[in-house]
Amino acid sequence: MNLRTYATIGDYNNVAEVEWPASDVDTLNKRLRAASIEVDKLTRLSVFAADEDGYPTDPDVADAFTEAACVIVEYWQETDDPTGADAYAGAVKIGSVSLGTTSSSQDSMSEAEKLRRRIGSRAIDVLMNAGLIPVAVAHT
């Protein structure tokens, strides 16, 4: 099984607003790997030239993959939710006070909204702008 990682520590520090602490490189490497899995999922139906290991060969496409992986990790840092588990959490109730979303609104959330909550919207925008996530338009 070929496990690809699309970004390095240097890439992350070039893209992110706040550099990753040098004392915690192992965590960043794990998160870049997890973010690369998300990029693979987002581009599963995309058409692009790739080498024998599945990495994009076009420099612009490769840059989009790198930036998307980095902005996903940055989003996880901002939300303090690297697994995406909190994105699916329901409301927290204390007495009559409810914080967060209700389970009924969570159930009615579209898959696209769930994805945006889990990885943020910037990665999707980066890949869409690079033409890697096709947009379908239906004329009725």
Foldseek 3Di string as FASTA:
>chain_A
DQQDQLEALVLLQVQAPDRDDPVPRVVVVVQSSVLLVVLCVQLVPFDADADPSRQGPPPLLSNLSHNLSSQQVNVCVVVVNSPLPVLLDAWDDDPPDTDHHHVVVSVVDDPVSSVCSRRNCVSVVSCVVSVRRDDDDDDD
